């Protein structure tokens, strides 16, 4: 039946009803007024609830630990991204087991004079300009690179020498990728994130015992009780632990993609408690980043690790490594042009395995 026929039918029935059940004068007006008032009240109630939700989430985001001004993020000599990808975003992510010190002292490049803990996780979280796809590019923390003012040293040692600013300067100089923001993931708080999303599943290639927890071959369910044991397996090298951490982050993102970030306050609370970010990272930017990351999946994001010419995940120890410069240059160029997915297809050995170990 067409919309016109339905409207005519409704009109005829309304006229018939009016002929036999005419309301008393003023009754129809009172009914309309009641409905209008009720409707307006409902709109106000929905608005109040939505506003309360926004204020609560904003309150949680405001509780994220802010690292004071990081000079490198506002430097005039930061790399300029191509015009086509100028709206992309790159966050330099590191890991820690302690709360980072505030930056803004008299140390190198405006850093705090307090020593910074070396990070076992250094990754570029890159969101493409289209807002729907991206990549997580891990850089082995013990690769030896050229560091401004310090010669060639391990990348992770830049945090001790000059805090986040020196690390950012070094990464930008090496990759020619502009770093927009800096974030530190507190792995002691990751368990709460895992708990908030009901745990995550990871694949383990061989039986392993780590810090009293045994993981069997195949799919293992990680919870707040065993997640740290999974990422801190002592028998693998530093590179191997980075791969484990990256695999965990991928599992969290893929599970979070099926969770309503806007309505799950326990997850928002857990995330805000496990992160530290630069002071220029606004609540709205964090919320936007979280929303975009929540759509990361195996179809929209690729996880790769910068290739090295020596060492392997299972070699043990933390010996210095060297990047494969030829392939790494192609990787950095792919990040600049939002083309990491194409790079991964060309160099599949750089893709982080789902069975790291």
C-alpha atoms as a PDB file:
ATOM      1  CA  UNK A   1       0.000   0.000   0.000  1.00  0.00           C
ATOM      2  CA  UNK A   2       1.393   3.423  -0.921  1.00  0.00           C
ATOM      3  CA  UNK A   3       1.997   6.257   1.548  1.00  0.00           C
ATOM      4  CA  UNK A   4      -0.854   8.208  -0.129  1.00  0.00           C
ATOM      5  CA  UNK A   5      -3.321   5.332   0.340  1.00  0.00           C
ATOM      6  CA  UNK A   6      -2.350   4.965   3.986  1.00  0.00           C
ATOM      7  CA  UNK A   7      -2.795   8.699   4.514  1.00  0.00           C
ATOM      8  CA  UNK A   8      -6.268   8.661   2.846  1.00  0.00           C
ATOM      9  CA  UNK A   9      -7.331   5.665   4.921  1.00  0.00           C
ATOM     10  CA  UNK A  10      -6.197   7.340   8.126  1.00  0.00           C
ATOM     11  CA  UNK A  11      -8.052  10.550   7.147  1.00  0.00           C
ATOM     12  CA  UNK A  12     -11.335   8.695   6.483  1.00  0.00           C
ATOM     13  CA  UNK A  13     -11.128   6.829   9.795  1.00  0.00           C
ATOM     14  CA  UNK A  14     -10.328  10.033  11.642  1.00  0.00           C
ATOM     15  CA  UNK A  15     -13.349  11.800  10.112  1.00  0.00           C
ATOM     16  CA  UNK A  16     -15.628   8.865  10.995  1.00  0.00           C
ATOM     17  CA  UNK A  17     -14.324   8.811  14.529  1.00  0.00           C
ATOM     18  CA  UNK A  18     -14.829  12.546  14.850  1.00  0.00           C
ATOM     19  CA  UNK A  19     -18.456  12.253  13.752  1.00  0.00           C
ATOM     20  CA  UNK A  20     -19.296   9.694  16.439  1.00  0.00           C
ATOM     21  CA  UNK A  21     -16.890  10.654  19.236  1.00  0.00           C
ATOM     22  CA  UNK A  22     -16.395  14.409  19.033  1.00  0.00           C
ATOM     23  CA  UNK A  23     -14.293  15.520  22.010  1.00  0.00           C
ATOM     24  CA  UNK A  24     -15.526  18.250  24.302  1.00  0.00           C
ATOM     25  CA  UNK A  25     -14.312  21.763  23.436  1.00  0.00           C
ATOM     26  CA  UNK A  26     -10.728  22.227  24.656  1.00  0.00           C
ATOM     27  CA  UNK A  27     -10.094  18.504  25.225  1.00  0.00           C
ATOM     28  CA  UNK A  28      -7.999  18.068  22.058  1.00  0.00           C
ATOM     29  CA  UNK A  29      -5.958  21.133  22.990  1.00  0.00           C
ATOM     30  CA  UNK A  30      -5.289  19.728  26.489  1.00  0.00           C
ATOM     31  CA  UNK A  31      -4.216  16.373  25.017  1.00  0.00           C
ATOM     32  CA  UNK A  32      -1.836  18.063  22.595  1.00  0.00           C
ATOM     33  CA  UNK A  33      -0.403  20.152  25.435  1.00  0.00           C
ATOM     34  CA  UNK A  34       0.148  17.079  27.625  1.00  0.00           C
ATOM     35  CA  UNK A  35       1.853  15.267  24.760  1.00  0.00           C
ATOM     36  CA  UNK A  36       4.038  18.250  23.986  1.00  0.00           C
ATOM     37  CA  UNK A  37       5.064  18.654  27.625  1.00  0.00           C
ATOM     38  CA  UNK A  38       5.732  14.918  27.955  1.00  0.00           C
ATOM     39  CA  UNK A  39       7.763  14.888  24.759  1.00  0.00           C
ATOM     40  CA  UNK A  40       9.774  17.904  25.831  1.00  0.00           C
ATOM     41  CA  UNK A  41      10.419  16.307  29.229  1.00  0.00           C
ATOM     42  CA  UNK A  42      11.639  13.144  27.534  1.00  0.00           C
ATOM     43  CA  UNK A  43      14.004  15.140  25.316  1.00  0.00           C
ATOM     44  CA  UNK A  44      15.336  16.995  28.359  1.00  0.00           C
ATOM     45  CA  UNK A  45      15.793  13.707  30.251  1.00  0.00           C
ATOM     46  CA  UNK A  46      17.687  12.128  27.348  1.00  0.00           C
ATOM     47  CA  UNK A  47      19.807  15.256  27.080  1.00  0.00           C
ATOM     48  CA  UNK A  48      20.583  15.209  30.799  1.00  0.00           C
ATOM     49  CA  UNK A  49      21.554  11.539  30.705  1.00  0.00           C
ATOM     50  CA  UNK A  50      23.700  12.039  27.618  1.00  0.00           C
ATOM     51  CA  UNK A  51      25.285  15.103  29.168  1.00  0.00           C
ATOM     52  CA  UNK A  52      25.962  13.238  32.394  1.00  0.00           C
ATOM     53  CA  UNK A  53      27.572  10.434  30.417  1.00  0.00           C
ATOM     54  CA  UNK A  54      29.724  12.905  28.517  1.00  0.00           C
ATOM     55  CA  UNK A  55      30.723  14.694  31.703  1.00  0.00           C
ATOM     56  CA  UNK A  56      31.612  11.398  33.375  1.00  0.00           C
ATOM     57  CA  UNK A  57      33.729  10.232  30.429  1.00  0.00           C
ATOM     58  CA  UNK A  58      35.317  13.680  30.227  1.00  0.00           C
ATOM     59  CA  UNK A  59      36.076  13.438  33.948  1.00  0.00           C
ATOM     60  CA  UNK A  60      37.759  10.068  33.431  1.00  0.00           C
ATOM     61  CA  UNK A  61      39.782  11.372  30.497  1.00  0.00           C
ATOM     62  CA  UNK A  62      40.828  14.390  32.530  1.00  0.00           C
ATOM     63  CA  UNK A  63      42.245  11.934  35.058  1.00  0.00           C
ATOM     64  CA  UNK A  64      44.758  10.590  32.531  1.00  0.00           C
ATOM     65  CA  UNK A  65      48.253  11.426  33.725  1.00  0.00           C
ATOM     66  CA  UNK A  66      49.635  14.275  31.631  1.00  0.00           C
ATOM     67  CA  UNK A  67      53.322  14.539  30.892  1.00  0.00           C
ATOM     68  CA  UNK A  68      54.269  18.207  30.940  1.00  0.00           C
ATOM     69  CA  UNK A  69      55.324  20.129  27.851  1.00  0.00           C
ATOM     70  CA  UNK A  70      57.395  18.025  25.468  1.00  0.00           C
ATOM     71  CA  UNK A  71      59.509  20.418  23.446  1.00  0.00           C
ATOM     72  CA  UNK A  72      59.937  18.131  20.425  1.00  0.00           C
ATOM     73  CA  UNK A  73      56.188  18.061  19.764  1.00  0.00           C
ATOM     74  CA  UNK A  74      56.092  21.789  19.085  1.00  0.00           C
ATOM     75  CA  UNK A  75      59.485  22.153  17.430  1.00  0.00           C
ATOM     76  CA  UNK A  76      59.590  24.096  14.171  1.00  0.00           C
ATOM     77  CA  UNK A  77      61.824  21.514  12.519  1.00  0.00           C
ATOM     78  CA  UNK A  78      59.415  18.573  12.760  1.00  0.00           C
ATOM     79  CA  UNK A  79      59.000  16.596   9.521  1.00  0.00           C
ATOM     80  CA  UNK A  80      56.348  17.836   7.101  1.00  0.00           C
ATOM     81  CA  UNK A  81      53.993  15.104   5.947  1.00  0.00           C
ATOM     82  CA  UNK A  82      52.853  14.879   2.305  1.00  0.00           C
ATOM     83  CA  UNK A  83      49.775  16.968   1.492  1.00  0.00           C
ATOM     84  CA  UNK A  84      47.662  13.866   0.856  1.00  0.00           C
ATOM     85  CA  UNK A  85      48.400  12.497   4.351  1.00  0.00           C
ATOM     86  CA  UNK A  86      48.681  15.748   6.286  1.00  0.00           C
ATOM     87  CA  UNK A  87      45.557  14.833   8.275  1.00  0.00           C
ATOM     88  CA  UNK A  88      46.951  11.511   9.413  1.00  0.00           C
ATOM     89  CA  UNK A  89      47.966  11.115  13.069  1.00  0.00           C
ATOM     90  CA  UNK A  90      50.998   9.390  14.539  1.00  0.00           C
ATOM     91  CA  UNK A  91      51.346   8.688  18.250  1.00  0.00           C
ATOM     92  CA  UNK A  92      54.686   7.506  19.591  1.00  0.00           C
ATOM     93  CA  UNK A  93      53.808   4.797  22.108  1.00  0.00           C
ATOM     94  CA  UNK A  94      56.181   3.523  24.781  1.00  0.00           C
ATOM     95  CA  UNK A  95      55.730   1.182  27.718  1.00  0.00           C
ATOM     96  CA  UNK A  96      56.617   1.465  31.375  1.00  0.00           C
ATOM     97  CA  UNK A  97      55.973  -0.048  34.772  1.00  0.00           C
ATOM     98  CA  UNK A  98      56.259   3.308  36.553  1.00  0.00           C
ATOM     99  CA  UNK A  99      54.504   6.648  36.141  1.00  0.00           C
ATOM    100  CA  UNK A 100      56.583   8.905  33.860  1.00  0.00           C
ATOM    101  CA  UNK A 101      58.092  12.038  35.333  1.00  0.00           C
ATOM    102  CA  UNK A 102      56.750  15.391  34.269  1.00  0.00           C
ATOM    103  CA  UNK A 103      58.745  16.998  31.491  1.00  0.00           C
ATOM    104  CA  UNK A 104      59.645  20.672  31.302  1.00  0.00           C
ATOM    105  CA  UNK A 105      62.840  20.944  33.298  1.00  0.00           C
ATOM    106  CA  UNK A 106      66.347  22.017  32.412  1.00  0.00           C
ATOM    107  CA  UNK A 107      67.475  18.713  30.952  1.00  0.00           C
ATOM    108  CA  UNK A 108      68.359  17.935  27.354  1.00  0.00           C
ATOM    109  CA  UNK A 109      65.819  19.334  24.887  1.00  0.00           C
ATOM    110  CA  UNK A 110      63.712  20.710  27.714  1.00  0.00           C
ATOM    111  CA  UNK A 111      63.340  17.364  29.444  1.00  0.00           C
ATOM    112  CA  UNK A 112      63.170  16.638  33.119  1.00  0.00           C
ATOM    113  CA  UNK A 113      66.555  16.219  34.778  1.00  0.00           C
ATOM    114  CA  UNK A 114      65.183  13.117  36.499  1.00  0.00           C
ATOM    115  CA  UNK A 115      66.287   9.904  34.728  1.00  0.00           C
ATOM    116  CA  UNK A 116      63.604   8.297  32.588  1.00  0.00           C
ATOM    117  CA  UNK A 117      63.127   4.555  32.587  1.00  0.00           C
ATOM    118  CA  UNK A 118      64.172   2.897  29.286  1.00  0.00           C
ATOM    119  CA  UNK A 119      61.159   1.515  27.426  1.00  0.00           C
ATOM    120  CA  UNK A 120      60.839  -2.054  26.221  1.00  0.00           C
ATOM    121  CA  UNK A 121      58.115  -0.940  23.812  1.00  0.00           C
ATOM    122  CA  UNK A 122      58.589   1.725  21.151  1.00  0.00           C
ATOM    123  CA  UNK A 123      55.929   1.896  18.454  1.00  0.00           C
ATOM    124  CA  UNK A 124      54.394   4.316  15.989  1.00  0.00           C
ATOM    125  CA  UNK A 125      50.608   4.105  16.162  1.00  0.00           C
ATOM    126  CA  UNK A 126      49.677   5.607  12.812  1.00  0.00           C
ATOM    127  CA  UNK A 127      46.111   6.432  11.806  1.00  0.00           C
ATOM    128  CA  UNK A 128      45.668   7.088   8.114  1.00  0.00           C
ATOM    129  CA  UNK A 129      44.145  10.318   6.878  1.00  0.00           C
ATOM    130  CA  UNK A 130      40.890   8.532   5.987  1.00  0.00           C
ATOM    131  CA  UNK A 131      40.284   7.926   9.701  1.00  0.00           C
ATOM    132  CA  UNK A 132      39.387   4.254   9.263  1.00  0.00           C
ATOM    133  CA  UNK A 133      42.658   2.421   8.631  1.00  0.00           C
ATOM    134  CA  UNK A 134      46.168   2.498  10.009  1.00  0.00           C
ATOM    135  CA  UNK A 135      49.148   0.617  11.335  1.00  0.00           C
ATOM    136  CA  UNK A 136      51.119  -0.127  14.469  1.00  0.00           C
ATOM    137  CA  UNK A 137      54.824  -0.111  13.636  1.00  0.00           C
ATOM    138  CA  UNK A 138      57.111  -1.427  16.362  1.00  0.00           C
ATOM    139  CA  UNK A 139      60.771  -0.431  16.496  1.00  0.00           C
ATOM    140  CA  UNK A 140      63.040  -2.786  18.479  1.00  0.00           C
ATOM    141  CA  UNK A 141      64.196  -0.726  21.476  1.00  0.00           C
ATOM    142  CA  UNK A 142      67.739  -2.092  21.346  1.00  0.00           C
ATOM    143  CA  UNK A 143      68.476  -1.072  17.753  1.00  0.00           C
ATOM    144  CA  UNK A 144      71.512   1.190  17.511  1.00  0.00           C
ATOM    145  CA  UNK A 145      70.649   4.485  15.798  1.00  0.00           C
ATOM    146  CA  UNK A 146      72.080   7.974  15.398  1.00  0.00           C
ATOM    147  CA  UNK A 147      70.908  10.141  18.302  1.00  0.00           C
ATOM    148  CA  UNK A 148      71.236  13.941  18.130  1.00  0.00           C
ATOM    149  CA  UNK A 149      74.160  14.994  20.312  1.00  0.00           C
ATOM    150  CA  UNK A 150      75.003  11.454  21.457  1.00  0.00           C
ATOM    151  CA  UNK A 151      76.300   9.548  18.438  1.00  0.00           C
ATOM    152  CA  UNK A 152      75.120   5.985  17.837  1.00  0.00           C
ATOM    153  CA  UNK A 153      73.438   4.351  20.836  1.00  0.00           C
ATOM    154  CA  UNK A 154      70.480   2.077  21.611  1.00  0.00           C
ATOM    155  CA  UNK A 155      67.179   3.767  20.846  1.00  0.00           C
ATOM    156  CA  UNK A 156      65.749   2.996  24.297  1.00  0.00           C
ATOM    157  CA  UNK A 157      68.626   4.850  25.988  1.00  0.00           C
ATOM    158  CA  UNK A 158      67.366   8.163  24.629  1.00  0.00           C
ATOM    159  CA  UNK A 159      64.756   8.237  27.394  1.00  0.00           C
ATOM    160  CA  UNK A 160      67.475   8.104  30.027  1.00  0.00           C
ATOM    161  CA  UNK A 161      69.548  10.784  28.329  1.00  0.00           C
ATOM    162  CA  UNK A 162      66.874  13.252  27.265  1.00  0.00           C
ATOM    163  CA  UNK A 163      63.407  11.992  28.044  1.00  0.00           C
ATOM    164  CA  UNK A 164      60.561  11.826  25.495  1.00  0.00           C
ATOM    165  CA  UNK A 165      61.833  14.857  23.567  1.00  0.00           C
ATOM    166  CA  UNK A 166      65.099  13.160  22.676  1.00  0.00           C
ATOM    167  CA  UNK A 167      63.292   9.942  21.759  1.00  0.00           C
ATOM    168  CA  UNK A 168      60.847  11.832  19.529  1.00  0.00           C
ATOM    169  CA  UNK A 169      63.630  13.835  17.869  1.00  0.00           C
ATOM    170  CA  UNK A 170      65.555  10.614  17.218  1.00  0.00           C
ATOM    171  CA  UNK A 171      62.556   8.739  15.786  1.00  0.00           C
ATOM    172  CA  UNK A 172      61.548  11.670  13.577  1.00  0.00           C
ATOM    173  CA  UNK A 173      65.087  12.067  12.285  1.00  0.00           C
ATOM    174  CA  UNK A 174      65.302   8.344  11.535  1.00  0.00           C
ATOM    175  CA  UNK A 175      61.859   7.931   9.913  1.00  0.00           C
ATOM    176  CA  UNK A 176      60.983  11.396   8.556  1.00  0.00           C
ATOM    177  CA  UNK A 177      57.526  10.778  10.056  1.00  0.00           C
ATOM    178  CA  UNK A 178      55.967  13.594  12.082  1.00  0.00           C
ATOM    179  CA  UNK A 179      55.067  12.537  15.630  1.00  0.00           C
ATOM    180  CA  UNK A 180      51.873  14.316  16.708  1.00  0.00           C
ATOM    181  CA  UNK A 181      51.564  12.964  20.246  1.00  0.00           C
ATOM    182  CA  UNK A 182      53.390  10.912  22.840  1.00  0.00           C
ATOM    183  CA  UNK A 183      51.879   8.242  25.096  1.00  0.00           C
ATOM    184  CA  UNK A 184      53.141   5.818  27.731  1.00  0.00           C
ATOM    185  CA  UNK A 185      51.300   2.550  28.389  1.00  0.00           C
ATOM    186  CA  UNK A 186      51.628   1.351  31.973  1.00  0.00           C
ATOM    187  CA  UNK A 187      51.744  -2.426  31.662  1.00  0.00           C
ATOM    188  CA  UNK A 188      50.775  -2.852  35.315  1.00  0.00           C
ATOM    189  CA  UNK A 189      47.451  -1.250  34.351  1.00  0.00           C
ATOM    190  CA  UNK A 190      46.925  -3.295  31.188  1.00  0.00           C
ATOM    191  CA  UNK A 191      45.420  -6.074  33.301  1.00  0.00           C
ATOM    192  CA  UNK A 192      42.499  -3.791  34.163  1.00  0.00           C
ATOM    193  CA  UNK A 193      41.876  -3.117  30.474  1.00  0.00           C
ATOM    194  CA  UNK A 194      41.940  -6.851  29.743  1.00  0.00           C
ATOM    195  CA  UNK A 195      39.561  -7.421  32.649  1.00  0.00           C
ATOM    196  CA  UNK A 196      37.187  -4.679  31.470  1.00  0.00           C
ATOM    197  CA  UNK A 197      36.752  -6.348  28.069  1.00  0.00           C
ATOM    198  CA  UNK A 198      36.357  -9.832  29.515  1.00  0.00           C
ATOM    199  CA  UNK A 199      39.851 -11.070  28.692  1.00  0.00           C
ATOM    200  CA  UNK A 200      41.509 -11.668  25.333  1.00  0.00           C
ATOM    201  CA  UNK A 201      42.660 -14.747  23.445  1.00  0.00           C
ATOM    202  CA  UNK A 202      46.180 -15.187  22.098  1.00  0.00           C
ATOM    203  CA  UNK A 203      47.878 -18.054  20.305  1.00  0.00           C
ATOM    204  CA  UNK A 204      50.976 -19.642  21.868  1.00  0.00           C
ATOM    205  CA  UNK A 205      53.240 -21.693  19.535  1.00  0.00           C
ATOM    206  CA  UNK A 206      54.802 -23.905  22.191  1.00  0.00           C
ATOM    207  CA  UNK A 207      54.235 -24.674  25.898  1.00  0.00           C
ATOM    208  CA  UNK A 208      55.854 -22.122  28.184  1.00  0.00           C
ATOM    209  CA  UNK A 209      55.931 -21.288  31.884  1.00  0.00           C
ATOM    210  CA  UNK A 210      56.409 -17.674  32.897  1.00  0.00           C
ATOM    211  CA  UNK A 211      56.364 -16.320  36.448  1.00  0.00           C
ATOM    212  CA  UNK A 212      54.393 -19.311  37.704  1.00  0.00           C
ATOM    213  CA  UNK A 213      51.845 -19.301  34.884  1.00  0.00           C
ATOM    214  CA  UNK A 214      51.777 -22.073  32.279  1.00  0.00           C
ATOM    215  CA  UNK A 215      50.603 -21.397  28.730  1.00  0.00           C
ATOM    216  CA  UNK A 216      49.724 -24.371  26.531  1.00  0.00           C
ATOM    217  CA  UNK A 217      50.121 -24.737  22.782  1.00  0.00           C
ATOM    218  CA  UNK A 218      47.279 -23.083  20.910  1.00  0.00           C
ATOM    219  CA  UNK A 219      44.738 -20.533  22.052  1.00  0.00           C
ATOM    220  CA  UNK A 220      45.141 -19.185  25.591  1.00  0.00           C
ATOM    221  CA  UNK A 221      42.785 -16.861  27.435  1.00  0.00           C
ATOM    222  CA  UNK A 222      44.535 -13.918  29.083  1.00  0.00           C
ATOM    223  CA  UNK A 223      43.064 -12.327  32.188  1.00  0.00           C
ATOM    224  CA  UNK A 224      44.205  -9.801  34.755  1.00  0.00           C
ATOM    225  CA  UNK A 225      45.926 -12.703  36.561  1.00  0.00           C
ATOM    226  CA  UNK A 226      48.226 -13.897  33.768  1.00  0.00           C
ATOM    227  CA  UNK A 227      48.565 -11.086  31.233  1.00  0.00           C
ATOM    228  CA  UNK A 228      51.831  -9.708  32.648  1.00  0.00           C
ATOM    229  CA  UNK A 229      53.338 -13.185  32.725  1.00  0.00           C
ATOM    230  CA  UNK A 230      52.499 -13.495  29.044  1.00  0.00           C
ATOM    231  CA  UNK A 231      54.230 -10.269  27.953  1.00  0.00           C
ATOM    232  CA  UNK A 232      57.234 -10.657  30.268  1.00  0.00           C
ATOM    233  CA  UNK A 233      58.350 -14.150  29.341  1.00  0.00           C
ATOM    234  CA  UNK A 234      61.972 -14.271  30.603  1.00  0.00           C
ATOM    235  CA  UNK A 235      63.234 -16.861  28.113  1.00  0.00           C
ATOM    236  CA  UNK A 236      62.721 -14.635  25.044  1.00  0.00           C
ATOM    237  CA  UNK A 237      64.862 -11.715  23.970  1.00  0.00           C
ATOM    238  CA  UNK A 238      63.921  -8.078  24.282  1.00  0.00           C
ATOM    239  CA  UNK A 239      62.733  -8.149  20.682  1.00  0.00           C
ATOM    240  CA  UNK A 240      60.621 -11.192  21.493  1.00  0.00           C
ATOM    241  CA  UNK A 241      58.960  -9.370  24.389  1.00  0.00           C
ATOM    242  CA  UNK A 242      58.199  -6.438  22.097  1.00  0.00           C
ATOM    243  CA  UNK A 243      56.453  -8.848  19.722  1.00  0.00           C
ATOM    244  CA  UNK A 244      54.485 -10.311  22.627  1.00  0.00           C
ATOM    245  CA  UNK A 245      53.459  -6.813  23.739  1.00  0.00           C
ATOM    246  CA  UNK A 246      52.478  -5.856  20.215  1.00  0.00           C
ATOM    247  CA  UNK A 247      50.427  -9.039  19.855  1.00  0.00           C
ATOM    248  CA  UNK A 248      48.663  -8.253  23.132  1.00  0.00           C
ATOM    249  CA  UNK A 249      47.880  -4.713  21.970  1.00  0.00           C
ATOM    250  CA  UNK A 250      46.435  -6.134  18.746  1.00  0.00           C
ATOM    251  CA  UNK A 251      44.276  -8.594  20.704  1.00  0.00           C
ATOM    252  CA  UNK A 252      43.020  -5.781  22.952  1.00  0.00           C
ATOM    253  CA  UNK A 253      42.180  -3.529  20.000  1.00  0.00           C
ATOM    254  CA  UNK A 254      40.372  -6.287  18.148  1.00  0.00           C
ATOM    255  CA  UNK A 255      38.352  -7.212  21.244  1.00  0.00           C
ATOM    256  CA  UNK A 256      37.637  -3.552  22.028  1.00  0.00           C
ATOM    257  CA  UNK A 257      36.296  -3.141  18.479  1.00  0.00           C
ATOM    258  CA  UNK A 258      33.349  -5.247  19.608  1.00  0.00           C
ATOM    259  CA  UNK A 259      32.772  -3.207  22.762  1.00  0.00           C
ATOM    260  CA  UNK A 260      30.826   0.058  23.011  1.00  0.00           C
ATOM    261  CA  UNK A 261      33.568   2.438  24.135  1.00  0.00           C
ATOM    262  CA  UNK A 262      31.097   5.258  24.565  1.00  0.00           C
ATOM    263  CA  UNK A 263      28.904   3.325  26.974  1.00  0.00           C
ATOM    264  CA  UNK A 264      31.361   1.057  28.757  1.00  0.00           C
ATOM    265  CA  UNK A 265      32.641   3.333  31.507  1.00  0.00           C
ATOM    266  CA  UNK A 266      34.639   0.543  33.151  1.00  0.00           C
ATOM    267  CA  UNK A 267      36.701   0.214  29.960  1.00  0.00           C
ATOM    268  CA  UNK A 268      37.163   3.976  29.639  1.00  0.00           C
ATOM    269  CA  UNK A 269      38.220   4.080  33.294  1.00  0.00           C
ATOM    270  CA  UNK A 270      40.706   1.235  32.803  1.00  0.00           C
ATOM    271  CA  UNK A 271      42.210   2.847  29.701  1.00  0.00           C
ATOM    272  CA  UNK A 272      42.534   6.231  31.392  1.00  0.00           C
ATOM    273  CA  UNK A 273      44.273   4.593  34.340  1.00  0.00           C
ATOM    274  CA  UNK A 274      46.837   2.823  32.175  1.00  0.00           C
ATOM    275  CA  UNK A 275      47.877   5.727  29.968  1.00  0.00           C
ATOM    276  CA  UNK A 276      50.014   8.818  30.280  1.00  0.00           C
ATOM    277  CA  UNK A 277      49.948  11.345  27.439  1.00  0.00           C
ATOM    278  CA  UNK A 278      51.544  14.638  26.523  1.00  0.00           C
ATOM    279  CA  UNK A 279      49.885  17.721  27.978  1.00  0.00           C
ATOM    280  CA  UNK A 280      48.826  18.965  24.523  1.00  0.00           C
ATOM    281  CA  UNK A 281      46.685  15.862  23.957  1.00  0.00           C
ATOM    282  CA  UNK A 282      43.152  17.159  24.644  1.00  0.00           C
ATOM    283  CA  UNK A 283      40.295  15.047  25.960  1.00  0.00           C
ATOM    284  CA  UNK A 284      38.411  15.363  22.671  1.00  0.00           C
ATOM    285  CA  UNK A 285      41.476  14.235  20.713  1.00  0.00           C
ATOM    286  CA  UNK A 286      41.936  11.257  23.023  1.00  0.00           C
ATOM    287  CA  UNK A 287      38.258  10.333  22.684  1.00  0.00           C
ATOM    288  CA  UNK A 288      38.513  10.621  18.893  1.00  0.00           C
ATOM    289  CA  UNK A 289      41.657   8.493  18.863  1.00  0.00           C
ATOM    290  CA  UNK A 290      40.028   5.867  21.087  1.00  0.00           C
ATOM    291  CA  UNK A 291      36.979   5.738  18.818  1.00  0.00           C
ATOM    292  CA  UNK A 292      39.152   5.306  15.724  1.00  0.00           C
ATOM    293  CA  UNK A 293      41.346   2.694  17.391  1.00  0.00           C
ATOM    294  CA  UNK A 294      38.249   0.793  18.490  1.00  0.00           C
ATOM    295  CA  UNK A 295      37.622   0.058  14.809  1.00  0.00           C
ATOM    296  CA  UNK A 296      41.087  -1.368  14.252  1.00  0.00           C
ATOM    297  CA  UNK A 297      40.930  -4.986  13.159  1.00  0.00           C
ATOM    298  CA  UNK A 298      42.843  -7.384  10.955  1.00  0.00           C
ATOM    299  CA  UNK A 299      40.946  -5.886   8.013  1.00  0.00           C
ATOM    300  CA  UNK A 300      41.632  -2.229   8.783  1.00  0.00           C
ATOM    301  CA  UNK A 301      45.027  -2.196  10.488  1.00  0.00           C
ATOM    302  CA  UNK A 302      48.362  -3.895   9.996  1.00  0.00           C
ATOM    303  CA  UNK A 303      50.939  -4.663  12.688  1.00  0.00           C
ATOM    304  CA  UNK A 304      54.565  -4.710  11.558  1.00  0.00           C
ATOM    305  CA  UNK A 305      58.017  -4.557  13.117  1.00  0.00           C
ATOM    306  CA  UNK A 306      60.946  -2.681  11.631  1.00  0.00           C
ATOM    307  CA  UNK A 307      63.298  -5.357  10.237  1.00  0.00           C
ATOM    308  CA  UNK A 308      66.787  -5.926  11.620  1.00  0.00           C
ATOM    309  CA  UNK A 309      69.815  -7.608  10.075  1.00  0.00           C
ATOM    310  CA  UNK A 310      70.841  -9.508  13.199  1.00  0.00           C
ATOM    311  CA  UNK A 311      69.134 -11.059  16.211  1.00  0.00           C
ATOM    312  CA  UNK A 312      65.815 -12.868  16.467  1.00  0.00           C
ATOM    313  CA  UNK A 313      62.892 -13.013  18.889  1.00  0.00           C
ATOM    314  CA  UNK A 314      64.166 -16.269  20.402  1.00  0.00           C
ATOM    315  CA  UNK A 315      67.870 -15.433  20.592  1.00  0.00           C
ATOM    316  CA  UNK A 316      67.735 -14.296  24.195  1.00  0.00           C
ATOM    317  CA  UNK A 317      69.578 -11.398  25.760  1.00  0.00           C
ATOM    318  CA  UNK A 318      69.434  -7.737  24.815  1.00  0.00           C
ATOM    319  CA  UNK A 319      72.343  -7.481  22.406  1.00  0.00           C
ATOM    320  CA  UNK A 320      72.421  -4.382  20.193  1.00  0.00           C
ATOM    321  CA  UNK A 321      70.650  -4.756  16.861  1.00  0.00           C
ATOM    322  CA  UNK A 322      70.963  -2.962  13.540  1.00  0.00           C
ATOM    323  CA  UNK A 323      68.043  -2.023  11.325  1.00  0.00           C
ATOM    324  CA  UNK A 324      67.850  -3.322   7.796  1.00  0.00           C
ATOM    325  CA  UNK A 325      68.273   0.160   6.371  1.00  0.00           C
ATOM    326  CA  UNK A 326      67.111  -0.581   2.836  1.00  0.00           C
ATOM    327  CA  UNK A 327      63.803  -2.151   3.849  1.00  0.00           C
ATOM    328  CA  UNK A 328      63.312   0.167   6.829  1.00  0.00           C
ATOM    329  CA  UNK A 329      63.532   3.204   4.566  1.00  0.00           C
ATOM    330  CA  UNK A 330      60.697   1.728   2.517  1.00  0.00           C
ATOM    331  CA  UNK A 331      58.724   1.167   5.718  1.00  0.00           C
ATOM    332  CA  UNK A 332      59.126   4.779   6.877  1.00  0.00           C
ATOM    333  CA  UNK A 333      58.122   5.992   3.416  1.00  0.00           C
ATOM    334  CA  UNK A 334      55.043   3.757   3.598  1.00  0.00           C
ATOM    335  CA  UNK A 335      54.062   5.348   6.927  1.00  0.00           C
ATOM    336  CA  UNK A 336      54.435   8.821   5.425  1.00  0.00           C
ATOM    337  CA  UNK A 337      52.111   7.885   2.568  1.00  0.00           C
ATOM    338  CA  UNK A 338      49.523   5.810   4.530  1.00  0.00           C
ATOM    339  CA  UNK A 339      50.708   2.727   2.663  1.00  0.00           C
ATOM    340  CA  UNK A 340      51.885   0.329   5.381  1.00  0.00           C
ATOM    341  CA  UNK A 341      49.317  -2.277   4.317  1.00  0.00           C
ATOM    342  CA  UNK A 342      50.852  -2.373   0.833  1.00  0.00           C
ATOM    343  CA  UNK A 343      54.335  -2.529   2.367  1.00  0.00           C
ATOM    344  CA  UNK A 344      53.278  -5.508   4.515  1.00  0.00           C
ATOM    345  CA  UNK A 345      52.076  -7.363   1.432  1.00  0.00           C
ATOM    346  CA  UNK A 346      55.420  -6.793  -0.240  1.00  0.00           C
ATOM    347  CA  UNK A 347      57.425  -7.727   2.876  1.00  0.00           C
ATOM    348  CA  UNK A 348      55.240 -10.231   4.775  1.00  0.00           C
ATOM    349  CA  UNK A 349      58.096 -11.259   7.098  1.00  0.00           C
ATOM    350  CA  UNK A 350      57.778  -7.862   8.827  1.00  0.00           C
ATOM    351  CA  UNK A 351      54.168  -8.554   9.873  1.00  0.00           C
ATOM    352  CA  UNK A 352      53.916  -9.407  13.556  1.00  0.00           C
ATOM    353  CA  UNK A 353      52.999 -13.064  13.902  1.00  0.00           C
ATOM    354  CA  UNK A 354      50.020 -14.054  15.978  1.00  0.00           C
ATOM    355  CA  UNK A 355      52.269 -16.704  17.563  1.00  0.00           C
ATOM    356  CA  UNK A 356      55.235 -14.575  18.692  1.00  0.00           C
ATOM    357  CA  UNK A 357      57.760 -16.433  20.758  1.00  0.00           C
END
